[in-house]
Protein backbone atom coordinates (compact mmCIF):
# COMPACT_ATOMS: atom_id res chain seq x y z
CA MET A 1 -105.37 31.72 -131.85
CA TYR A 2 -102.17 31.30 -130.47
CA LYS A 3 -100.03 33.87 -128.77
CA VAL A 4 -96.79 34.81 -129.57
CA ILE A 5 -94.05 37.62 -128.45
CA LEU A 6 -91.03 39.23 -130.79
CA ILE A 7 -88.15 39.89 -129.32
CA ASP A 8 -85.10 41.73 -131.25
CA ASP A 9 -82.97 45.04 -130.14
CA GLU A 10 -83.44 46.70 -133.80
CA ASP A 11 -86.99 48.59 -134.34
CA GLU A 12 -86.90 48.29 -138.02
CA VAL A 13 -86.56 44.41 -137.78
CA ARG A 14 -89.49 44.13 -135.42
CA GLU A 15 -91.30 46.80 -137.33
CA GLY A 16 -90.86 44.85 -140.53
CA ILE A 17 -91.82 41.79 -138.94
CA ARG A 18 -95.05 43.01 -137.18
CA ASN A 19 -96.38 44.92 -140.59
CA LYS A 20 -95.15 42.23 -142.98
CA ILE A 21 -96.98 39.26 -141.34
CA SER A 22 -100.44 38.87 -141.76
CA TRP A 23 -100.77 37.08 -137.96
CA LYS A 24 -104.19 36.29 -137.85
CA ASP A 25 -104.20 34.08 -141.45
CA CYS A 26 -101.18 32.42 -139.75
CA GLY A 27 -103.57 31.43 -136.99
CA PHE A 28 -101.42 33.78 -134.13
CA GLU A 29 -101.99 37.06 -132.10
CA LEU A 30 -98.80 39.08 -131.92
CA ILE A 31 -99.12 40.07 -128.10
CA GLY A 32 -96.04 41.95 -127.51
CA GLU A 33 -92.70 42.81 -128.86
CA TYR A 34 -89.39 43.55 -126.71
CA ASP A 35 -85.80 44.85 -127.05
CA ASN A 36 -84.16 42.68 -124.45
CA GLY A 37 -84.51 39.29 -123.24
CA ARG A 38 -84.95 40.47 -119.58
CA ASP A 39 -88.12 42.35 -120.34
CA ALA A 40 -89.48 39.68 -122.54
CA LEU A 41 -88.96 37.11 -119.54
CA ASP A 42 -91.40 39.41 -117.27
CA ALA A 43 -93.98 39.60 -120.02
CA ILE A 44 -93.49 35.47 -120.56
CA ASP A 45 -94.09 35.26 -117.19
CA CYS A 46 -97.64 37.29 -117.36
CA GLU A 47 -98.83 36.26 -120.68
CA HIS A 48 -97.70 32.62 -121.14
CA PRO A 49 -97.35 33.20 -124.92
CA ASP A 50 -97.27 29.73 -127.21
CA LEU A 51 -94.45 31.14 -129.09
CA ILE A 52 -91.48 33.26 -128.84
CA VAL A 53 -89.64 34.62 -131.58
CA THR A 54 -86.05 36.00 -130.43
CA ASP A 55 -82.57 37.62 -131.49
CA ILE A 56 -79.52 36.12 -130.04
CA CYS A 57 -77.63 39.11 -129.29
CA MET A 58 -79.35 41.55 -127.21
CA ALA A 59 -78.70 43.84 -124.09
CA PHE A 60 -79.32 42.41 -120.72
CA MET A 61 -80.36 39.04 -121.60
CA ASP A 62 -79.80 37.42 -125.01
CA GLY A 63 -81.68 34.90 -126.69
CA LEU A 64 -79.97 31.94 -125.99
CA GLU A 65 -80.16 32.77 -121.99
CA LEU A 66 -84.02 33.29 -122.57
CA ALA A 67 -84.23 30.30 -124.67
CA ARG A 68 -82.24 28.42 -121.73
CA ILE A 69 -84.94 29.61 -119.15
CA VAL A 70 -88.11 28.95 -120.82
CA SER A 71 -86.81 25.38 -121.80
CA GLU A 72 -86.48 24.85 -117.68
CA GLN A 73 -89.38 26.42 -116.95
CA TYR A 74 -91.90 26.36 -119.48
CA ARG A 75 -91.84 23.28 -121.44
CA ASP A 76 -94.63 23.54 -123.63
CA MET A 77 -93.50 27.01 -125.04
CA LYS A 78 -91.71 26.89 -128.75
CA VAL A 79 -88.70 29.03 -129.32
CA VAL A 80 -87.46 30.46 -132.49
CA ILE A 81 -84.50 32.12 -133.15
CA ILE A 82 -83.95 34.52 -135.74
CA THR A 83 -80.33 35.77 -136.10
CA GLY A 84 -77.40 37.48 -138.26
CA TYR A 85 -74.78 35.07 -136.69
CA GLU A 86 -74.09 32.19 -138.94
CA ASP A 87 -71.93 30.60 -136.02
CA PHE A 88 -72.14 26.79 -135.40
CA GLU A 89 -71.52 26.81 -131.64
CA TYR A 90 -74.72 29.24 -131.32
CA ALA A 91 -76.90 26.56 -133.35
CA LYS A 92 -75.56 23.86 -131.13
CA GLN A 93 -76.51 25.54 -128.29
CA ALA A 94 -80.06 26.69 -129.61
CA ILE A 95 -80.64 22.53 -130.24
CA THR A 96 -79.67 22.04 -126.50
CA TYR A 97 -82.34 24.26 -125.51
CA ARG A 98 -84.76 22.57 -127.70
CA VAL A 99 -85.07 25.73 -129.87
CA GLN A 100 -87.37 24.81 -132.71
CA GLU A 101 -85.89 26.51 -135.46
CA TYR A 102 -82.85 28.67 -135.99
CA LEU A 103 -82.93 30.96 -139.20
CA LEU A 104 -80.39 33.44 -140.30
CA LYS A 105 -81.43 36.90 -141.40
CA PRO A 106 -82.13 38.75 -143.61
CA ILE A 107 -85.31 36.61 -143.86
CA ASN A 108 -88.05 37.45 -146.30
CA ALA A 109 -91.99 37.40 -145.20
CA ARG A 110 -92.77 34.65 -147.30
CA GLU A 111 -90.35 32.48 -145.38
CA PHE A 112 -91.65 34.03 -142.10
CA THR A 113 -95.10 33.21 -142.81
CA SER A 114 -93.87 29.65 -143.82
CA LEU A 115 -92.32 29.34 -140.45
CA MET A 116 -95.51 30.62 -138.56
CA LEU A 117 -97.85 28.27 -140.29
CA GLN A 118 -95.08 25.04 -139.33
CA MET A 119 -95.31 26.13 -135.76
CA LYS A 120 -99.05 26.27 -136.05
CA ASN A 121 -99.37 22.90 -137.35
CA GLU A 122 -97.12 21.81 -134.57
CA LEU A 123 -99.19 23.59 -131.97
CA ASP A 124 -102.43 22.21 -133.34
CA ALA A 125 -100.92 18.66 -133.15
CA GLU A 126 -99.76 18.94 -129.57
CA ARG A 127 -102.92 20.37 -127.82
CA GLU A 128 -104.78 17.62 -130.01
CA GLN A 129 -102.63 15.11 -128.51
CA ARG A 130 -103.21 16.84 -124.74
CA ARG A 131 -106.80 16.96 -125.28
CA ASN A 132 -107.60 13.42 -126.36
CA LEU A 133 -106.11 10.93 -123.73
CA SER A 134 -108.82 8.28 -124.25
CA GLN A 135 -107.16 8.41 -127.93
CA LEU A 136 -103.93 7.68 -126.25
CA ARG A 137 -105.41 4.82 -124.30
CA ILE A 138 -106.61 3.38 -127.80
CA GLN A 139 -103.03 3.97 -129.28
CA LEU A 140 -101.25 2.34 -126.35
CA ASN A 141 -103.59 -0.69 -126.93
CA GLU A 142 -102.95 -0.93 -130.59
CA SER A 143 -99.16 -0.77 -129.88
CA LEU A 144 -99.20 -3.41 -127.37
CA PRO A 145 -98.73 -6.24 -130.17
CA LEU A 146 -95.63 -4.19 -131.11
CA LEU A 147 -94.46 -3.43 -127.70
CA ARG A 148 -95.11 -7.47 -127.13
CA GLU A 149 -92.57 -8.36 -130.06
CA ARG A 150 -90.24 -6.14 -129.01
CA PHE A 151 -89.97 -7.34 -125.52
CA MET A 152 -90.04 -10.62 -126.72
CA GLU A 153 -86.86 -9.89 -129.27
CA ARG A 154 -85.10 -8.05 -126.16
CA LEU A 155 -85.58 -11.33 -124.51
CA VAL A 156 -84.21 -13.76 -126.65
CA PHE A 157 -81.10 -11.09 -127.26
CA THR A 158 -80.27 -10.37 -123.79
CA ARG A 159 -80.69 -11.71 -120.13
CA ILE A 160 -83.27 -10.21 -117.98
CA SER A 161 -83.45 -10.16 -114.29
CA ARG A 162 -86.52 -13.00 -113.17
CA GLU A 163 -88.13 -9.91 -111.26
CA MET A 164 -88.42 -8.14 -114.58
CA LEU A 165 -89.14 -11.15 -116.77
CA GLN A 166 -92.18 -11.88 -114.77
CA ARG A 167 -93.70 -8.44 -114.31
CA LYS A 168 -93.08 -7.94 -118.50
CA LEU A 169 -94.90 -11.39 -118.85
CA ASP A 170 -97.75 -10.84 -116.96
CA TYR A 171 -98.36 -7.25 -118.25
CA PHE A 172 -98.28 -8.97 -122.02
CA GLN A 173 -100.04 -11.75 -120.87
CA ILE A 174 -97.79 -14.31 -121.83
CA ARG A 175 -97.88 -17.81 -120.63
CA LEU A 176 -94.54 -19.73 -120.81
CA SER A 177 -94.67 -22.09 -117.85
CA GLY A 178 -91.98 -24.31 -119.03
CA PRO A 179 -90.00 -25.95 -117.33
CA ALA A 180 -87.74 -26.26 -119.92
CA TYR A 181 -87.40 -23.93 -123.21
CA ILE A 182 -86.22 -24.27 -126.58
CA ALA A 183 -85.84 -21.41 -129.36
CA LEU A 184 -86.54 -21.93 -133.01
CA VAL A 185 -85.72 -19.23 -136.03
CA ILE A 186 -87.62 -19.23 -139.36
CA ASP A 187 -85.80 -17.76 -142.10
CA MET A 188 -88.67 -17.34 -145.08
CA GLY A 189 -86.97 -17.51 -148.32
CA GLN A 190 -86.97 -14.43 -150.36
CA ALA A 191 -89.01 -14.25 -153.59
CA ARG A 192 -85.69 -14.23 -155.78
CA GLY A 193 -86.95 -14.00 -159.31
CA LYS A 194 -90.33 -13.48 -158.75
CA ARG A 195 -91.47 -9.84 -158.76
CA GLU A 196 -94.82 -10.47 -157.94
CA LEU A 197 -94.00 -12.15 -154.96
CA ARG A 198 -91.26 -10.04 -153.98
CA ASP A 199 -93.48 -7.09 -153.99
CA GLU A 200 -95.70 -9.10 -151.68
CA GLN A 201 -93.23 -10.21 -149.20
CA GLU A 202 -94.05 -8.49 -146.20
CA LEU A 203 -97.54 -9.58 -146.47
CA LEU A 204 -96.21 -13.20 -146.74
CA GLN A 205 -94.16 -13.03 -143.85
CA PHE A 206 -97.22 -11.62 -141.89
CA ALA A 207 -99.23 -14.57 -143.34
CA ALA A 208 -96.66 -16.95 -142.12
CA TYR A 209 -96.29 -15.34 -138.86
CA ASN A 210 -100.18 -16.02 -138.25
CA ILE A 211 -100.03 -19.67 -139.59
CA VAL A 212 -97.20 -20.51 -136.78
CA GLN A 213 -98.77 -18.60 -134.32
CA GLU A 214 -102.08 -20.23 -134.67
CA GLN A 215 -100.48 -23.71 -134.85
CA LEU A 216 -98.73 -23.01 -131.51
CA GLU A 217 -101.52 -21.52 -129.73
CA GLN A 218 -103.55 -24.65 -130.67
CA ASP A 219 -101.39 -26.82 -128.95
CA GLY A 220 -100.38 -24.59 -126.40
CA ILE A 221 -97.21 -25.37 -126.50
CA GLY A 222 -94.95 -21.67 -126.89
CA ILE A 223 -94.98 -18.59 -128.42
CA ALA A 224 -94.20 -17.05 -132.20
CA PHE A 225 -93.01 -13.34 -132.62
CA ARG A 226 -91.63 -11.33 -135.59
CA THR A 227 -87.75 -10.06 -135.43
CA ARG A 228 -87.04 -6.55 -136.89
CA ASP A 229 -84.60 -8.41 -139.40
CA ASP A 230 -87.96 -10.24 -141.14
CA ARG A 231 -87.40 -13.39 -139.33
CA LEU A 232 -89.95 -15.88 -137.38
CA ALA A 233 -88.77 -16.46 -133.81
CA VAL A 234 -90.54 -19.55 -131.75
CA ILE A 235 -90.13 -20.21 -127.85
CA LEU A 236 -91.54 -23.61 -127.32
CA GLN A 237 -91.98 -25.00 -123.42
CA GLY A 238 -92.19 -28.53 -122.39
CA THR A 239 -90.79 -31.22 -120.01
CA ARG A 240 -86.95 -31.72 -120.28
CA GLU A 241 -87.06 -35.44 -121.46
CA HIS A 242 -89.42 -34.60 -124.66
CA LEU A 243 -88.50 -31.05 -125.52
CA GLU A 244 -85.91 -31.75 -127.92
CA LEU A 245 -87.84 -34.30 -129.53
CA LYS A 246 -90.85 -31.57 -129.80
CA ALA A 247 -89.03 -29.10 -131.39
CA GLN A 248 -87.84 -31.15 -134.02
CA ARG A 249 -91.37 -32.56 -134.57
CA VAL A 250 -93.05 -28.68 -134.34
CA ALA A 251 -90.18 -27.50 -136.65
CA ASP A 252 -90.99 -30.24 -139.18
CA GLN A 253 -94.49 -29.49 -139.13
CA VAL A 254 -94.28 -25.64 -139.82
CA ARG A 255 -91.84 -25.72 -142.53
CA SER A 256 -94.43 -28.23 -144.36
CA THR A 257 -97.49 -26.04 -143.52
CA LEU A 258 -95.37 -22.97 -144.71
CA ASP A 259 -94.08 -24.61 -148.17
CA LYS A 260 -97.93 -25.98 -148.31
CA TYR A 261 -99.52 -22.51 -147.88
CA ILE A 262 -96.76 -19.42 -148.49
CA ARG A 263 -94.62 -21.16 -151.37
CA LEU A 264 -91.29 -20.04 -150.19
CA PRO A 265 -88.83 -22.62 -148.83
CA SER A 266 -88.62 -21.79 -145.01
CA SER A 267 -85.32 -22.63 -143.54
CA ILE A 268 -85.74 -23.34 -139.69
CA GLY A 269 -82.79 -23.65 -137.09
CA ILE A 270 -82.99 -25.17 -133.56
CA GLY A 271 -81.00 -24.14 -130.95
CA ARG A 272 -80.29 -26.11 -127.41
CA LYS A 273 -82.67 -26.93 -124.54
CA SER A 274 -82.63 -24.36 -121.81
CA GLU A 275 -83.55 -25.00 -118.28
CA SER A 276 -84.85 -21.24 -117.75
CA LEU A 277 -86.39 -18.65 -119.54
CA GLU A 278 -83.97 -16.23 -118.43
CA GLU A 279 -81.24 -17.80 -120.19
CA ILE A 280 -83.37 -18.50 -123.70
CA SER A 281 -81.08 -16.01 -125.51
CA SER A 282 -78.58 -18.67 -125.56
CA SER A 283 -80.90 -20.86 -127.11
CA TYR A 284 -81.85 -18.28 -129.43
CA GLN A 285 -78.18 -17.54 -130.79
CA GLU A 286 -77.39 -21.49 -131.55
CA ALA A 287 -80.60 -21.53 -133.53
CA LEU A 288 -79.30 -18.44 -135.52
CA SER A 289 -76.07 -20.03 -135.58
CA SER A 290 -77.66 -23.35 -137.09
CA LEU A 291 -79.39 -20.80 -140.01
CA ASP A 292 -75.78 -19.96 -141.12
CA TYR A 293 -75.46 -23.80 -142.40
CA THR A 294 -78.55 -23.10 -145.15
CA PHE A 295 -75.48 -21.49 -146.77
CA LEU A 296 -74.12 -24.93 -147.12
CA LEU A 297 -77.22 -27.13 -147.08
CA GLY A 298 -79.33 -24.98 -148.80
CA GLU A 299 -82.90 -23.34 -147.97
CA GLY A 300 -85.85 -25.28 -147.12
CA ARG A 301 -84.39 -27.45 -144.06
CA VAL A 302 -84.92 -28.08 -140.49
CA ILE A 303 -81.12 -27.82 -138.99
CA SER A 304 -80.42 -28.31 -135.49
CA ILE A 305 -77.23 -26.92 -133.86
CA GLN A 306 -76.33 -30.49 -132.22
CA ASP A 307 -76.42 -31.45 -135.70
CA VAL A 308 -73.82 -29.48 -137.43
CA GLU A 309 -71.23 -28.32 -134.78
CA TYR A 310 -69.43 -31.80 -134.16
CA GLY A 311 -67.00 -33.85 -135.96
CA HIS A 312 -66.61 -32.04 -138.72
CA THR A 313 -63.33 -31.76 -141.06
CA VAL A 314 -62.59 -28.42 -142.41
CA PRO A 315 -60.87 -28.61 -145.85
CA ALA A 316 -58.31 -26.24 -146.58
CA TYR A 317 -57.79 -24.15 -149.73
CA THR A 318 -54.54 -25.81 -151.23
CA ALA A 319 -51.96 -24.79 -153.88
CA ASP A 320 -53.54 -28.26 -155.42
CA TRP A 321 -57.10 -26.64 -155.70
CA GLU A 322 -55.40 -23.58 -157.39
CA GLN A 323 -53.61 -25.76 -159.93
CA GLN A 324 -56.76 -27.63 -160.57
CA LEU A 325 -58.50 -24.54 -161.40
CA ILE A 326 -55.40 -22.88 -163.44
CA SER A 327 -55.16 -26.49 -165.64
CA SER A 328 -58.77 -26.48 -165.97
CA LEU A 329 -58.94 -22.92 -167.51
CA LYS A 330 -55.83 -23.76 -169.89
CA THR A 331 -57.70 -26.71 -171.54
CA GLY A 332 -60.24 -24.07 -173.02
CA LYS A 333 -63.26 -26.28 -171.72
CA MET A 334 -65.75 -25.20 -169.64
CA SER A 335 -66.62 -28.78 -168.89
CA GLN A 336 -63.36 -28.70 -167.36
CA VAL A 337 -63.91 -25.89 -165.10
CA SER A 338 -67.30 -26.95 -164.07
CA SER A 339 -65.96 -30.24 -163.22
CA VAL A 340 -63.46 -28.57 -160.84
CA PHE A 341 -65.92 -26.38 -159.36
CA GLN A 342 -68.51 -29.12 -158.67
CA GLY A 343 -66.04 -31.14 -156.79
CA TRP A 344 -64.92 -28.54 -154.67
CA PHE A 345 -68.17 -27.14 -153.60
CA GLN A 346 -69.46 -30.72 -153.07
CA GLU A 347 -66.35 -31.08 -150.86
CA LEU A 348 -67.68 -27.68 -149.05
CA LYS A 349 -70.95 -29.18 -148.43
CA THR A 350 -70.46 -32.07 -147.02
CA SER A 351 -67.63 -30.79 -144.45
CA GLY A 352 -69.88 -28.69 -142.46
CA VAL A 353 -67.15 -25.87 -142.73
CA SER A 354 -68.49 -22.41 -141.28
CA VAL A 355 -69.74 -19.46 -143.65
CA GLU A 356 -66.79 -17.71 -142.55
CA ARG A 357 -64.51 -20.20 -143.91
CA CYS A 358 -66.63 -20.64 -146.84
CA HIS A 359 -66.09 -17.05 -147.86
CA SER A 360 -62.61 -16.94 -147.15
CA ILE A 361 -62.14 -19.64 -149.68
CA LEU A 362 -64.38 -17.75 -152.39
CA TYR A 363 -62.09 -14.86 -151.86
CA GLN A 364 -59.16 -17.26 -152.55
CA ILE A 365 -60.71 -18.71 -155.70
CA LEU A 366 -61.25 -15.09 -157.10
CA ILE A 367 -57.63 -14.13 -156.20
CA ALA A 368 -56.51 -17.16 -158.11
CA MET A 369 -58.70 -16.36 -161.28
CA MET A 370 -57.68 -12.74 -161.19
CA LYS A 371 -54.00 -13.77 -161.02
CA HIS A 372 -54.14 -16.51 -163.62
CA ALA A 373 -56.16 -13.50 -166.03
CA GLU A 374 -52.99 -11.00 -165.38
CA GLU A 375 -50.26 -13.99 -166.03
CA THR A 376 -51.99 -14.66 -169.26
CA GLY A 377 -52.12 -11.02 -170.83
CA LEU A 378 -56.08 -9.95 -170.32
CA GLY A 379 -54.85 -7.59 -167.37
CA ASN A 380 -56.93 -5.48 -165.38
CA SER A 381 -60.12 -6.46 -166.92
CA SER A 382 -63.77 -6.05 -166.11
CA LEU A 383 -64.05 -9.93 -165.77
CA ILE A 384 -64.08 -9.95 -162.40
CA PRO A 385 -66.35 -6.79 -161.22
CA ALA A 386 -64.65 -4.55 -158.66
CA GLU A 387 -67.56 -5.54 -156.20
CA ALA A 388 -66.75 -9.27 -156.69
CA PHE A 389 -65.09 -9.49 -153.07
CA SER A 390 -68.01 -7.78 -151.25
CA LYS A 391 -70.48 -9.38 -153.23
CA VAL A 392 -69.25 -13.05 -151.80
CA GLY A 393 -71.12 -12.05 -148.68
CA SER A 394 -74.61 -11.18 -150.02
CA PHE A 395 -75.55 -14.68 -151.19
CA HIS A 396 -77.82 -17.02 -149.21
CA THR A 397 -76.73 -20.64 -149.91
CA LEU A 398 -73.56 -21.97 -151.32
CA ASP A 399 -75.19 -23.04 -154.61
CA GLU A 400 -75.64 -19.26 -155.21
CA ALA A 401 -72.42 -18.66 -154.68
CA LYS A 402 -71.39 -21.64 -157.00
CA SER A 403 -73.31 -20.41 -159.92
CA TRP A 404 -71.79 -16.73 -160.02
CA ILE A 405 -68.13 -17.77 -159.39
CA GLU A 406 -68.54 -20.34 -162.04
CA GLY A 407 -70.00 -17.72 -164.32
CA ILE A 408 -66.72 -15.81 -163.49
CA GLY A 409 -64.59 -18.64 -164.69
CA ARG A 410 -66.81 -19.02 -167.99
CA ASP A 411 -66.07 -15.45 -168.73
CA ILE A 412 -62.31 -15.83 -167.79
CA LEU A 413 -62.29 -19.00 -170.29
CA ILE A 414 -63.89 -17.06 -172.88
CA SER A 415 -61.76 -14.17 -172.80
CA LEU A 416 -58.53 -16.44 -172.51
CA THR A 417 -59.75 -18.21 -175.75
CA GLU A 418 -60.12 -15.03 -177.46
CA HIS A 419 -57.01 -13.26 -175.97
CA ARG A 420 -55.33 -16.79 -177.21
CA SER A 421 -56.68 -16.63 -180.54
CA CYS A 422 -55.83 -12.73 -181.11
CA HIS A 423 -52.29 -13.56 -180.20
CA ILE A 424 -51.74 -16.84 -182.00
CA ARG A 425 -53.51 -14.75 -184.81
CA SER A 426 -50.77 -12.08 -184.69
CA GLN A 427 -48.21 -14.71 -184.54
CA MET A 428 -49.04 -16.12 -187.61
CA ASP A 429 -49.50 -13.04 -189.60
CA THR A 430 -45.83 -12.05 -188.45
CA ALA A 431 -44.89 -15.59 -190.10
CA GLU A 432 -46.62 -14.83 -193.17
CA ALA A 433 -45.08 -11.40 -193.15
CA TYR A 434 -41.63 -12.91 -192.35
CA ILE A 435 -41.90 -15.74 -195.33
CA ARG A 436 -42.68 -12.91 -197.79
CA ALA A 437 -39.73 -10.66 -196.70
CA ASN A 438 -37.85 -13.35 -197.19
CA TYR A 439 -38.95 -16.05 -199.82
CA GLN A 440 -35.93 -15.52 -202.06
CA ASP A 441 -33.32 -16.87 -199.59
CA GLU A 442 -33.72 -20.42 -200.58
CA GLY A 443 -32.11 -21.30 -197.27
CA LEU A 444 -35.81 -19.99 -195.92
CA SER A 445 -36.71 -22.81 -193.64
CA LEU A 446 -39.17 -23.86 -190.63
CA GLN A 447 -36.56 -23.83 -188.48
CA GLN A 448 -35.70 -20.45 -189.14
CA VAL A 449 -39.16 -18.65 -188.83
CA CYS A 450 -39.74 -20.76 -185.55
CA SER A 451 -36.52 -19.01 -184.34
CA HIS A 452 -38.01 -15.66 -185.37
CA LEU A 453 -41.17 -16.49 -183.45
CA PHE A 454 -39.74 -18.13 -180.52
CA MET A 455 -42.23 -21.27 -181.04
CA SER A 456 -41.13 -24.95 -181.18
CA ALA A 457 -41.42 -26.01 -184.59
CA SER A 458 -44.37 -29.07 -184.11
CA TYR A 459 -46.44 -26.25 -182.16
CA PHE A 460 -45.71 -23.51 -184.99
CA SER A 461 -46.37 -26.37 -187.72
CA ALA A 462 -49.78 -27.09 -186.12
CA LEU A 463 -51.14 -23.42 -185.80
CA PHE A 464 -49.86 -22.46 -189.16
CA LYS A 465 -51.78 -25.22 -190.69
CA GLN A 466 -54.68 -24.30 -189.13
CA HIS A 467 -54.28 -20.58 -189.92
CA THR A 468 -53.62 -20.56 -193.39
CA SER A 469 -54.91 -24.28 -194.44
CA MET A 470 -51.48 -25.11 -195.70
CA THR A 471 -48.15 -26.64 -194.52
CA PHE A 472 -45.05 -24.40 -194.03
CA VAL A 473 -43.59 -25.86 -197.19
CA GLU A 474 -46.83 -25.57 -199.53
CA TYR A 475 -46.87 -21.88 -198.19
CA VAL A 476 -43.78 -20.65 -199.18
CA THR A 477 -44.10 -22.80 -202.69
CA ARG A 478 -47.22 -20.77 -203.44
CA ILE A 479 -45.72 -17.48 -202.72
CA ARG A 480 -42.63 -18.31 -204.80
CA MET A 481 -45.08 -19.63 -207.65
CA GLU A 482 -46.94 -16.19 -207.31
CA LYS A 483 -43.78 -14.21 -207.54
CA ALA A 484 -42.43 -16.29 -210.73
CA LYS A 485 -45.69 -15.83 -212.11
CA GLU A 486 -45.73 -11.91 -211.79
CA LEU A 487 -42.09 -12.14 -213.29
CA LEU A 488 -43.08 -13.84 -215.96
CA SER A 489 -46.04 -12.07 -216.91
CA THR A 490 -44.39 -8.28 -216.67
CA THR A 491 -40.77 -9.04 -217.54
CA ARG A 492 -38.56 -10.62 -220.16
CA MET A 493 -36.02 -12.06 -217.65
CA LYS A 494 -34.57 -15.17 -218.71
CA SER A 495 -36.27 -18.57 -216.90
CA TYR A 496 -33.10 -18.89 -214.51
CA GLU A 497 -33.02 -15.29 -213.43
CA ILE A 498 -36.83 -15.48 -212.32
CA ALA A 499 -36.11 -18.86 -210.71
CA GLU A 500 -33.35 -16.90 -208.63
CA LYS A 501 -35.56 -14.16 -207.86
CA ALA A 502 -38.11 -16.97 -206.59
CA GLY A 503 -35.55 -18.41 -204.42
CA TYR A 504 -34.46 -21.35 -206.52
CA SER A 505 -30.92 -21.48 -207.74
CA ASP A 506 -31.14 -24.87 -209.78
CA PRO A 507 -33.30 -23.44 -212.77
CA GLN A 508 -34.19 -27.00 -213.78
CA TYR A 509 -35.88 -27.96 -210.27
CA PHE A 510 -37.57 -24.29 -210.52
CA SER A 511 -39.38 -25.62 -213.80
CA VAL A 512 -40.04 -29.09 -212.62
CA LEU A 513 -42.14 -27.44 -209.50
CA PHE A 514 -43.85 -24.56 -211.71
CA LYS A 515 -45.29 -27.23 -214.02
CA ARG A 516 -46.54 -29.34 -211.12
CA ASN A 517 -48.16 -26.03 -209.40
CA THR A 518 -49.54 -24.22 -212.93
CA GLY A 519 -49.50 -27.57 -215.51
CA LYS A 520 -47.36 -25.59 -217.64
CA THR A 521 -43.56 -24.85 -217.89
CA PRO A 522 -42.53 -21.21 -217.72
CA LYS A 523 -42.01 -20.81 -221.35
CA GLU A 524 -45.65 -22.20 -221.86
CA PHE A 525 -47.02 -20.04 -219.04
CA ARG A 526 -45.48 -16.73 -220.49
CA GLN A 527 -46.77 -17.43 -224.40
CA GLN A 528 -49.85 -17.68 -222.91
CA GLN A 529 -49.91 -14.54 -221.10
CA GLU A 530 -48.69 -12.66 -224.15
CA SER A 531 -51.46 -14.31 -226.10
CA ILE A 532 -54.37 -12.75 -223.77
CA ARG A 533 -52.19 -9.32 -223.87
């Protein structure tokens, strides 16, 4: 049973809390009630309660001052503040004095009971922890592998003094006698697209760690550990003359073994040789930099920093590149677009350009496609997603980025084709409407229609034939013949009058054309229609 005291300058508040709470059921014994902090502090000195429940604003000594003294003198006592003052500064001070809970009045019996049960659970846990020192030692031993990994991670990220380094190596029983060292970083490919493997990613990484560590321990050549970014790190030791060759051999063996048993592509970066363990962080950073080149070269490779950071020419994203892309989009052929992307990305792969430069070029490609889509009338469409620019940095390899951005190009090409088709269809509909409105004009010509549409004659003729399956002359003649047949069937107008209405000033020429198109003269056609009626 834990002991608790209650402090509040309002009698009815203390009485309400005292009478409405089943203290025994909550695991507490109420050993005292006080209306100010000073009297309560005297009782605390004598009774040593486990829990103090206090108001803030009271005479002689307020609750925050009491909490401050308790936090300084009685580290194992818990303090809960219940107050009617909703003030952030009070709450901030309470946190400073290690107050467990800060509750606002009014508080009901159910809420207070829940609080007491929570305090009991915390006190139970602390008591159990203090009592079981042997269990703490067991926990420490169980934590040693994790602590060892965290130390190794600190070693490769920061410089550690020789004295501390040796002390930690002895404590964790790590044997790295050198005289030279080199860092490797193993990046296991994510199980992308394989649900059953993604669910077991952590298990696979643990298995990989065991495989690598066993391989190193058998040869006594180094140590492996896991990092918090889900990679495996290796520190190899050996002679200065042969260590770099050994690192390449070990990396090839590890990659082959992991590929055989884990079946995920593993990329391995190798840093430069370090003359002392205190300087291994430089080699580790170089190994990480080597892994950046998996973006260009693809996964499942061993990449040494010395192989990738010398003598590369950096391709520039030029206006010529942009022109190639726009020209390919204008052809309307995906094969042309794919060919342009293939050439670009192959050049990037062989150039050894940095990942950051690749990202910059991808941004420029996106901007070029976005600009072309705007200029061709697609407007602010959803073809290029709003998150496209942030997505660029998420790709693991350049091939992934190529597939993605080529897909955007394909979507733009399809939309441009559809947009162009709609625009052409609209223009041709306008042309037909213009012809129907002006067919009676004997001077109606191809050039006249093209001027109305602002199109060249050759381009219009090709589109019009594709749209109507007729030439311009054939279409106009058909419209005029339809009008002539309508007038012959519904009026008693003379043939020459009908010819004029249909757009022909020469009745004889009209008659020749009419017979050529219908197989009958205007007179014969009218007689046939009258006989049908």
